[in-house]
Amino acid sequence: APRRLPAPPGTQRLRAPRARIPAGGSRARTSGYLKEQDALLLVAALAGLGLGLSLIFIAVYLIRFCCCRPPEPPGAKSPPPGGGCVTWSCIAALLVGCAGIGIGFYGNSETSDGVSQLSSALLHANHTLSAIDHLVLETVERLGEAVRTELTSLEEVLAQRTELVAAARGARRQAEAVTQQLQGLAFWRGVPLSPLQVAEDVSFVEEYRWLAYVLLLLLELLVCLFTLLGLAKQSKWLVIVMAVMSLLVLVLSWGSMGLEAATAVGLSDFCSSPDTYILNLTEEETGLDSDILNYYFLCNQAVSNPFQQRLTLSQRALANIHSQLQGLEREAVPQFPDAQKPLLSLEETLNVTEGNFHQLVALLHCRGLHKDYGAALRGLCEDALEGLLLLLLFSLLSAGALATALCSLPRAWALFPPSDDYDDTDDDDPFNPQESKRFVQWQSSI
């Protein structure tokens, strides 16, 4: 049987199982995660506290307005002093809320663009990793088929010349060495973490998040517009309905503010030093060697290519196979014409293998995957974070505007003229109750 080449020194290191994290380090990291989660929950709880305080303030204000209002003198028809200021303050608050809605739409779009950039970077990285696996698998299968068929046939044809058979067996050993080295280049094969699955999950969550914020923005816009319409028409029922809807939107605004604040704080903490966190998380999820992860995540002169030795040995082996096949073609074909066909087939396989090898060298360079990593960080830490801050500003403006409107609407409602349902009726309208009563009296008198 042909003797296999010994594995290079880097093979054992690359194929060694991942070292376990010490128990103390694992506990410390878990404790750190728990502290971060507690801090984010505390930030979200502050929004709940703000909601409770605003509801208490509105309830106290309304109770004081309803119970402690001084009685009006009989026959007084003039509005109380300061009534116009209350109405205009309510209108100004609603206009501020409309401005906040515009900021919210822009922030929602920026957040969606950042998450879309993150998903695109993950999909491109998944395409690169899949291309590496596909090229390695195709090259290994092609070389294995060449060893089993063409080289075996060539050895049978050249069986009468021992030195030629030895050269063919040398080409076989070199091809097996290339196969062994190439199999170690598919470093992402069998890894449970899939960038494609992560991109799909992120896109799924972002789609519903974007839709929920659009519905919230449209709901608040309708509340502001119909409240302004109710104030302009002095319609009591419309103002009452919009007051109830404003209370609902106020609760939703404070709830979204808590989610936005917690997400913005966590994201800003992550973006301050993302490399360490992502390296540790990826190493835990994938089990890959830290040298490989450092090479692709950092991609600088201080980190060497962990596949350089495999690539160098593969390139040398391919060059040796090429020279051995050329030597066999010069010496064996004139004496053994039947050897020309397997030699031509081997040359074609070798050319395809060299082309795949050059593609693998380009794909395995850290430049491509590191570019995807940088694009994902820019989308997450620039566009998405900026959009979250704008959404947080929208929630603040919305909560303040709706709280002001809820406090101003009862006083503005008290300024509306009584019985406004029949003030604008036409006296000549036959469906007017007063006109119908006069018509019945006129008929009876006749």
Protein backbone atom coordinates (compact mmCIF):
# COMPACT_ATOMS: atom_id res chain seq x y z
CA ALA A 1 0.00 0.00 0.00
CA PRO A 2 1.29 3.51 -0.70
CA ARG A 3 2.72 5.28 2.32
CA ARG A 4 0.89 8.46 3.42
CA LEU A 5 2.78 11.60 4.19
CA PRO A 6 2.95 12.52 7.87
CA ALA A 7 0.57 15.25 8.97
CA PRO A 8 2.13 18.70 9.26
CA PRO A 9 2.74 20.13 12.71
CA GLY A 10 -0.22 22.51 12.50
CA THR A 11 -2.71 19.72 11.79
CA GLN A 12 -2.85 18.39 15.30
CA ARG A 13 -3.30 21.86 16.70
CA LEU A 14 -6.14 22.67 14.29
CA ARG A 15 -7.95 19.40 14.84
CA ALA A 16 -7.53 19.33 18.58
CA PRO A 17 -10.73 19.71 20.60
CA ARG A 18 -11.45 23.05 22.10
CA ALA A 19 -10.14 23.50 25.59
CA ARG A 20 -12.77 23.82 28.24
CA ILE A 21 -13.25 27.12 29.95
CA PRO A 22 -12.26 26.98 33.58
CA ALA A 23 -15.10 26.82 36.03
CA GLY A 24 -14.08 30.06 37.69
CA GLY A 25 -13.91 31.89 34.35
CA SER A 26 -17.30 30.52 33.33
CA ARG A 27 -18.85 31.62 36.60
CA ALA A 28 -17.28 35.07 36.28
CA ARG A 29 -18.59 35.46 32.73
CA THR A 30 -22.04 34.24 33.74
CA SER A 31 -22.01 36.69 36.65
CA GLY A 32 -21.08 39.48 34.25
CA TYR A 33 -23.97 38.59 31.95
CA LEU A 34 -26.37 38.55 34.88
CA LYS A 35 -25.18 41.98 35.99
CA GLU A 36 -25.69 43.36 32.48
CA GLN A 37 -29.18 41.88 32.34
CA ASP A 38 -30.01 43.37 35.74
CA ALA A 39 -28.76 46.77 34.55
CA LEU A 40 -30.92 46.61 31.42
CA LEU A 41 -33.94 45.53 33.46
CA LEU A 42 -33.32 48.48 35.75
CA VAL A 43 -33.29 50.86 32.76
CA ALA A 44 -36.56 49.35 31.50
CA ALA A 45 -38.03 49.62 35.02
CA LEU A 46 -37.28 53.35 35.04
CA ALA A 47 -39.67 53.75 32.12
CA GLY A 48 -42.32 51.89 34.11
CA LEU A 49 -41.68 54.20 37.04
CA GLY A 50 -42.09 57.20 34.74
CA LEU A 51 -45.39 55.79 33.48
CA GLY A 52 -46.66 55.30 37.01
CA LEU A 53 -45.67 58.82 38.08
CA SER A 54 -47.26 60.38 35.00
CA LEU A 55 -50.51 58.47 35.56
CA ILE A 56 -50.56 59.50 39.22
CA PHE A 57 -49.95 63.14 38.28
CA ILE A 58 -52.72 63.08 35.66
CA ALA A 59 -55.14 61.41 38.09
CA VAL A 60 -54.37 63.94 40.86
CA TYR A 61 -54.74 66.83 38.43
CA LEU A 62 -58.09 65.60 37.12
CA ILE A 63 -59.43 64.93 40.61
CA ARG A 64 -58.40 68.40 41.71
CA PHE A 65 -59.96 69.90 38.58
CA CYS A 66 -63.26 68.08 39.06
CA CYS A 67 -63.62 68.35 42.83
CA CYS A 68 -61.94 71.62 43.70
CA ARG A 69 -63.34 73.80 40.93
CA PRO A 70 -65.12 76.87 42.31
CA PRO A 71 -68.85 77.07 41.50
CA GLU A 72 -69.83 79.35 38.66
CA PRO A 73 -72.23 82.17 39.41
CA PRO A 74 -75.75 81.71 37.95
CA GLY A 75 -76.19 83.20 34.54
CA ALA A 76 -72.47 83.45 33.85
CA LYS A 77 -71.80 82.80 30.20
CA SER A 78 -68.33 84.24 29.81
CA PRO A 79 -65.49 81.69 29.77
CA PRO A 80 -63.26 81.60 32.84
CA PRO A 81 -60.01 83.52 32.61
CA GLY A 82 -57.11 81.63 31.13
CA GLY A 83 -59.35 79.31 29.13
CA GLY A 84 -57.83 80.30 25.81
CA CYS A 85 -54.33 79.66 27.11
CA VAL A 86 -55.36 76.13 28.13
CA THR A 87 -56.73 75.39 24.67
CA TRP A 88 -53.66 76.76 22.95
CA SER A 89 -51.35 74.83 25.27
CA CYS A 90 -53.20 71.64 24.35
CA ILE A 91 -52.88 72.46 20.66
CA ALA A 92 -49.16 73.22 21.07
CA ALA A 93 -48.62 69.90 22.87
CA LEU A 94 -50.37 68.01 20.08
CA LEU A 95 -48.27 69.79 17.46
CA VAL A 96 -45.13 68.80 19.37
CA GLY A 97 -46.44 65.25 19.35
CA CYS A 98 -46.88 65.44 15.56
CA ALA A 99 -43.27 66.64 15.23
CA GLY A 100 -42.19 63.71 17.38
CA ILE A 101 -44.08 61.36 15.06
CA GLY A 102 -41.96 62.63 12.15
CA ILE A 103 -38.82 61.93 14.18
CA GLY A 104 -40.18 58.49 14.97
CA PHE A 105 -40.72 57.63 11.32
CA TYR A 106 -37.18 58.68 10.49
CA GLY A 107 -35.74 56.76 13.45
CA ASN A 108 -37.72 53.65 12.53
CA SER A 109 -36.37 53.84 8.98
CA GLU A 110 -32.78 54.28 10.22
CA THR A 111 -33.10 51.32 12.56
CA SER A 112 -34.51 49.17 9.78
CA ASP A 113 -31.65 50.19 7.44
CA GLY A 114 -29.05 49.27 10.07
CA VAL A 115 -30.59 45.86 10.71
CA SER A 116 -30.89 45.26 6.95
CA GLN A 117 -27.18 46.02 6.58
CA LEU A 118 -26.45 43.54 9.37
CA SER A 119 -28.53 40.85 7.65
CA SER A 120 -26.86 41.51 4.29
CA ALA A 121 -23.40 41.20 5.85
CA LEU A 122 -24.38 37.90 7.49
CA LEU A 123 -25.73 36.55 4.20
CA HIS A 124 -22.55 37.53 2.36
CA ALA A 125 -20.41 35.90 5.04
CA ASN A 126 -22.54 32.76 4.78
CA HIS A 127 -22.02 32.78 1.01
CA THR A 128 -18.25 32.99 1.50
CA LEU A 129 -18.19 30.15 4.02
CA SER A 130 -20.44 28.00 1.83
CA ALA A 131 -18.19 28.68 -1.16
CA ILE A 132 -15.15 27.52 0.84
CA ASP A 133 -16.89 24.30 1.86
CA HIS A 134 -18.10 23.68 -1.69
CA LEU A 135 -14.66 24.25 -3.26
CA VAL A 136 -12.95 22.00 -0.71
CA LEU A 137 -15.53 19.24 -1.19
CA GLU A 138 -15.39 19.47 -4.98
CA THR A 139 -11.58 19.48 -5.08
CA VAL A 140 -11.25 16.58 -2.65
CA GLU A 141 -13.78 14.49 -4.59
CA ARG A 142 -12.09 15.30 -7.90
CA LEU A 143 -8.64 14.37 -6.59
CA GLY A 144 -9.98 11.22 -4.96
CA GLU A 145 -11.61 10.15 -8.21
CA ALA A 146 -8.37 10.83 -10.08
CA VAL A 147 -6.40 8.72 -7.59
CA ARG A 148 -8.88 5.83 -7.83
CA THR A 149 -9.22 5.78 -11.61
CA GLU A 150 -6.59 7.62 -13.69
CA LEU A 151 -3.59 6.99 -11.44
CA THR A 152 -4.55 3.34 -10.94
CA SER A 153 -4.90 2.87 -14.69
CA LEU A 154 -1.60 4.64 -15.24
CA GLU A 155 0.18 2.34 -12.79
CA GLU A 156 -1.27 -0.70 -14.54
CA VAL A 157 -0.13 0.59 -17.93
CA LEU A 158 3.37 1.37 -16.64
CA ALA A 159 3.76 -1.88 -14.69
CA GLN A 160 6.71 -2.98 -16.85
CA ARG A 161 8.82 0.05 -15.90
CA THR A 162 9.52 0.18 -12.17
CA GLU A 163 10.86 3.74 -12.15
CA LEU A 164 7.77 5.00 -13.98
CA VAL A 165 5.48 3.20 -11.56
CA ALA A 166 7.40 4.80 -8.69
CA ALA A 167 6.84 8.23 -10.25
CA ALA A 168 3.11 7.50 -10.60
CA ARG A 169 2.96 6.38 -6.97
CA GLY A 170 4.76 9.57 -5.98
CA ALA A 171 2.05 11.56 -7.74
CA ARG A 172 -0.52 9.45 -5.85
CA ARG A 173 1.08 10.29 -2.50
CA GLN A 174 1.22 13.97 -3.38
CA ALA A 175 -2.48 13.94 -4.39
CA GLU A 176 -3.41 12.23 -1.12
CA ALA A 177 -1.37 14.82 0.77
CA VAL A 178 -3.21 17.64 -1.02
CA THR A 179 -6.52 15.98 -0.16
CA GLN A 180 -5.55 15.75 3.49
CA GLN A 181 -4.44 19.37 3.63
CA LEU A 182 -7.52 20.68 1.83
CA GLN A 183 -9.91 18.92 4.19
CA GLY A 184 -8.59 21.06 7.05
CA LEU A 185 -9.43 24.27 5.17
CA ALA A 186 -13.20 23.82 5.49
CA PHE A 187 -13.12 25.16 9.03
CA TRP A 188 -16.83 26.04 9.18
CA ARG A 189 -18.07 22.58 8.23
CA GLY A 190 -20.12 21.02 11.01
CA VAL A 191 -20.33 24.25 13.02
CA PRO A 192 -23.77 24.56 14.68
CA LEU A 193 -23.87 28.35 14.27
CA SER A 194 -25.17 29.31 10.83
CA PRO A 195 -24.93 32.95 9.65
CA LEU A 196 -27.86 32.27 7.32
CA GLN A 197 -30.09 31.22 10.22
CA VAL A 198 -28.99 34.22 12.27
CA ALA A 199 -29.76 36.55 9.35
CA GLU A 200 -33.20 35.00 8.90
CA ASP A 201 -33.99 35.32 12.61
CA VAL A 202 -32.83 38.95 12.67
CA SER A 203 -34.89 39.79 9.57
CA PHE A 204 -37.96 38.08 11.04
CA VAL A 205 -37.76 40.01 14.31
CA GLU A 206 -36.99 43.29 12.51
CA GLU A 207 -39.99 42.89 10.21
CA TYR A 208 -42.42 42.68 13.13
CA ARG A 209 -40.60 45.40 15.07
CA TRP A 210 -40.82 47.78 12.12
CA LEU A 211 -44.51 47.00 11.59
CA ALA A 212 -45.32 47.48 15.29
CA TYR A 213 -43.64 50.89 15.37
CA VAL A 214 -45.38 51.99 12.18
CA LEU A 215 -48.75 51.06 13.70
CA LEU A 216 -47.87 52.92 16.91
CA LEU A 217 -46.84 56.01 14.95
CA LEU A 218 -49.99 55.95 12.84
CA LEU A 219 -52.17 55.48 15.92
CA GLU A 220 -50.61 58.46 17.65
CA LEU A 221 -50.90 60.54 14.47
CA LEU A 222 -54.63 59.75 14.25
CA VAL A 223 -55.09 60.60 17.92
CA CYS A 224 -53.37 63.96 17.51
CA LEU A 225 -55.28 64.86 14.35
CA PHE A 226 -58.70 63.86 15.66
CA THR A 227 -58.05 65.63 18.96
CA LEU A 228 -57.21 68.81 17.06
CA LEU A 229 -60.38 68.29 15.00
CA GLY A 230 -62.43 67.87 18.16
CA LEU A 231 -61.01 71.08 19.61
CA ALA A 232 -61.68 72.95 16.37
CA LYS A 233 -65.27 71.65 16.07
CA GLN A 234 -65.81 71.84 19.86
CA SER A 235 -67.18 68.30 19.77
CA LYS A 236 -67.40 66.89 23.28
CA TRP A 237 -67.86 63.24 22.32
CA LEU A 238 -64.85 63.30 19.97
CA VAL A 239 -62.68 64.92 22.64
CA ILE A 240 -63.74 62.30 25.20
CA VAL A 241 -62.97 59.41 22.83
CA MET A 242 -59.60 60.92 21.93
CA ALA A 243 -58.79 61.44 25.62
CA VAL A 244 -59.28 57.71 26.21
CA MET A 245 -57.18 56.89 23.15
CA SER A 246 -54.50 59.33 24.32
CA LEU A 247 -54.29 57.47 27.61
CA LEU A 248 -53.79 54.19 25.73
CA VAL A 249 -51.11 55.68 23.47
CA LEU A 250 -49.42 57.20 26.54
CA VAL A 251 -49.05 53.73 28.07
CA LEU A 252 -47.71 52.36 24.78
CA SER A 253 -45.25 55.25 24.47
CA TRP A 254 -43.82 54.64 27.93
CA GLY A 255 -43.59 50.92 27.21
CA SER A 256 -41.74 51.50 23.94
CA MET A 257 -39.50 53.98 25.74
CA GLY A 258 -38.43 51.28 28.19
CA LEU A 259 -37.61 48.83 25.40
CA GLU A 260 -35.75 51.49 23.41
CA ALA A 261 -33.75 52.70 26.40
CA ALA A 262 -32.71 49.18 27.44
CA THR A 263 -31.81 48.25 23.86
CA ALA A 264 -29.88 51.49 23.29
CA VAL A 265 -27.91 51.08 26.53
CA GLY A 266 -27.08 47.45 25.78
CA LEU A 267 -26.15 48.22 22.19
CA SER A 268 -23.95 51.17 23.14
CA ASP A 269 -22.18 49.00 25.72
CA PHE A 270 -21.66 46.32 23.08
CA CYS A 271 -20.42 48.81 20.45
CA SER A 272 -17.82 50.25 22.82
CA SER A 273 -15.72 47.04 22.51
CA PRO A 274 -17.45 44.51 20.25
CA ASP A 275 -14.43 42.39 19.31
CA THR A 276 -13.88 40.74 22.68
CA TYR A 277 -17.56 39.98 23.21
CA ILE A 278 -18.06 38.52 19.73
CA LEU A 279 -14.84 36.49 19.92
CA ASN A 280 -15.87 34.91 23.22
CA LEU A 281 -19.44 34.28 22.08
CA THR A 282 -18.41 32.81 18.72
CA GLU A 283 -15.81 30.57 20.36
CA GLU A 284 -18.41 29.23 22.77
CA GLU A 285 -21.04 28.68 20.07
CA THR A 286 -18.81 27.20 17.37
CA GLY A 287 -15.91 25.55 19.21
CA LEU A 288 -13.42 26.92 16.67
CA ASP A 289 -9.82 27.60 17.54
CA SER A 290 -9.13 31.10 18.83
CA ASP A 291 -6.35 31.60 16.24
CA ILE A 292 -8.87 31.25 13.40
CA LEU A 293 -11.35 33.65 15.02
CA ASN A 294 -8.67 36.22 15.82
CA TYR A 295 -7.44 36.10 12.23
CA TYR A 296 -10.84 36.86 10.72
CA PHE A 297 -12.19 39.25 13.36
CA LEU A 298 -9.03 41.32 13.78
CA CYS A 299 -7.32 40.90 10.36
CA ASN A 300 -4.13 42.81 11.04
CA GLN A 301 -0.40 42.24 10.69
CA ALA A 302 -0.10 40.98 14.26
CA VAL A 303 -2.27 37.92 13.54
CA SER A 304 -0.88 35.33 11.12
CA ASN A 305 -2.95 33.20 8.78
CA PRO A 306 -3.65 29.91 10.59
CA PHE A 307 -4.03 28.15 7.22
CA GLN A 308 -0.76 29.36 5.76
CA GLN A 309 1.08 26.11 6.41
CA ARG A 310 -1.66 24.02 4.82
CA LEU A 311 -1.79 26.32 1.80
CA THR A 312 1.98 26.22 1.37
CA LEU A 313 2.15 22.42 1.58
CA SER A 314 -0.77 22.07 -0.82
CA GLN A 315 0.82 24.42 -3.32
CA ARG A 316 4.12 22.51 -3.17
CA ALA A 317 2.34 19.19 -3.56
CA LEU A 318 0.41 20.46 -6.60
CA ALA A 319 3.65 21.73 -8.15
CA ASN A 320 5.27 18.32 -7.55
CA ILE A 321 2.35 16.51 -9.13
CA HIS A 322 2.53 18.80 -12.13
CA SER A 323 6.27 18.19 -12.61
CA GLN A 324 5.87 14.43 -12.17
CA LEU A 325 3.07 14.28 -14.73
CA GLN A 326 5.16 16.26 -17.22
CA GLY A 327 8.07 13.85 -16.66
CA LEU A 328 5.80 10.85 -17.21
CA GLU A 329 4.37 12.42 -20.34
CA ARG A 330 7.89 12.87 -21.79
CA GLU A 331 9.17 9.42 -20.88
CA ALA A 332 6.14 7.12 -20.80
CA VAL A 333 4.02 8.19 -23.74
CA PRO A 334 6.57 7.29 -26.45
CA GLN A 335 6.90 3.76 -25.01
CA PHE A 336 3.33 3.29 -23.70
CA PRO A 337 0.80 5.08 -25.95
CA ASP A 338 -2.06 3.90 -23.71
CA ALA A 339 -0.72 6.12 -20.93
CA GLN A 340 -1.58 9.29 -22.85
CA LYS A 341 -5.30 9.20 -22.08
CA PRO A 342 -5.00 8.93 -18.24
CA LEU A 343 -2.20 11.50 -18.30
CA LEU A 344 -4.36 14.01 -20.20
CA SER A 345 -7.22 13.38 -17.80
CA LEU A 346 -4.87 13.90 -14.84
CA GLU A 347 -3.59 17.14 -16.37
CA GLU A 348 -7.16 18.40 -16.73
CA THR A 349 -7.97 17.44 -13.13
CA LEU A 350 -4.80 19.15 -11.96
CA ASN A 351 -5.66 22.36 -13.82
CA VAL A 352 -9.15 22.44 -12.27
CA THR A 353 -7.64 21.72 -8.86
CA GLU A 354 -5.15 24.56 -9.20
CA GLY A 355 -7.96 26.93 -10.20
CA ASN A 356 -10.02 25.89 -7.16
CA PHE A 357 -6.94 26.24 -4.99
CA HIS A 358 -6.39 29.86 -6.07
CA GLN A 359 -10.04 30.62 -5.34
CA LEU A 360 -9.65 29.04 -1.92
CA VAL A 361 -6.61 31.19 -1.21
CA ALA A 362 -8.62 34.32 -2.03
CA LEU A 363 -11.66 33.22 0.00
CA LEU A 364 -9.62 32.14 3.00
CA HIS A 365 -7.92 35.52 3.25
CA CYS A 366 -9.31 37.54 6.15
CA ARG A 367 -10.06 40.55 3.97
CA GLY A 368 -13.47 39.35 2.72
CA LEU A 369 -14.94 38.05 5.98
CA HIS A 370 -13.50 40.96 7.95
CA LYS A 371 -15.18 43.36 5.52
CA ASP A 372 -18.51 41.65 6.22
CA TYR A 373 -17.81 41.88 9.94
CA GLY A 374 -17.10 45.60 9.66
CA ALA A 375 -20.26 46.17 7.60
CA ALA A 376 -22.34 44.34 10.20
CA LEU A 377 -20.87 46.45 13.00
CA ARG A 378 -21.46 49.68 11.08
CA GLY A 379 -25.07 48.77 10.44
CA LEU A 380 -25.63 47.81 14.07
CA CYS A 381 -23.58 50.46 15.85
CA GLU A 382 -24.20 53.43 13.56
CA ASP A 383 -27.53 53.28 11.74
CA ALA A 384 -29.42 51.04 14.15
CA LEU A 385 -28.14 52.83 17.25
CA GLU A 386 -28.90 56.24 15.75
CA GLY A 387 -32.39 55.05 14.88
CA LEU A 388 -32.93 53.78 18.42
CA LEU A 389 -31.91 57.13 19.87
CA LEU A 390 -34.35 58.89 17.54
CA LEU A 391 -37.10 56.49 18.56
CA LEU A 392 -36.25 57.21 22.19
CA LEU A 393 -36.62 60.94 21.49
CA PHE A 394 -39.96 60.26 19.81
CA SER A 395 -41.18 58.36 22.85
CA LEU A 396 -40.13 61.19 25.18
CA LEU A 397 -41.90 63.81 23.06
CA SER A 398 -44.94 61.59 22.71
CA ALA A 399 -45.21 60.93 26.44
CA GLY A 400 -44.80 64.61 27.31
CA ALA A 401 -47.26 65.80 24.64
CA LEU A 402 -49.94 63.25 25.53
CA ALA A 403 -49.60 63.92 29.27
CA THR A 404 -50.00 67.66 28.64
CA ALA A 405 -52.98 67.05 26.37
CA LEU A 406 -54.67 64.80 28.93
CA CYS A 407 -54.31 67.51 31.55
CA SER A 408 -55.55 70.26 29.20
CA LEU A 409 -58.46 68.48 27.51
CA PRO A 410 -60.87 68.56 30.51
CA ARG A 411 -60.42 72.32 30.95
CA ALA A 412 -60.80 72.85 27.20
CA TRP A 413 -63.86 70.62 27.22
CA ALA A 414 -65.40 72.76 29.97
CA LEU A 415 -65.14 75.81 27.71
CA PHE A 416 -67.29 74.29 24.99
CA PRO A 417 -70.77 75.87 24.72
CA PRO A 418 -73.65 73.74 26.08
CA SER A 419 -76.03 71.88 23.82
CA ASP A 420 -73.80 72.21 20.84
CA ASP A 421 -75.72 69.43 19.14
CA TYR A 422 -78.58 71.77 18.13
CA ASP A 423 -76.91 75.14 17.90
CA ASP A 424 -76.22 74.85 14.22
CA THR A 425 -79.66 73.50 13.17
CA ASP A 426 -81.65 75.37 10.56
CA ASP A 427 -85.03 76.74 11.59
CA ASP A 428 -86.48 75.93 8.15
CA ASP A 429 -85.36 72.31 8.34
CA PRO A 430 -88.53 70.14 8.31
CA PHE A 431 -86.73 67.52 10.41
CA ASN A 432 -86.05 70.06 13.16
CA PRO A 433 -88.01 69.00 16.29
CA GLN A 434 -89.03 72.60 17.03
CA GLU A 435 -90.24 73.09 13.46
CA SER A 436 -92.19 69.82 13.58
CA LYS A 437 -93.86 70.89 16.85
CA ARG A 438 -94.93 74.22 15.37
CA PHE A 439 -96.28 72.43 12.27
CA VAL A 440 -98.46 70.14 14.43
CA GLN A 441 -99.82 73.12 16.38
CA TRP A 442 -100.66 74.91 13.12
CA GLN A 443 -102.51 71.84 11.81
CA SER A 444 -104.59 71.55 15.01
CA SER A 445 -105.52 75.22 14.93
CA ILE A 446 -106.81 74.82 11.37
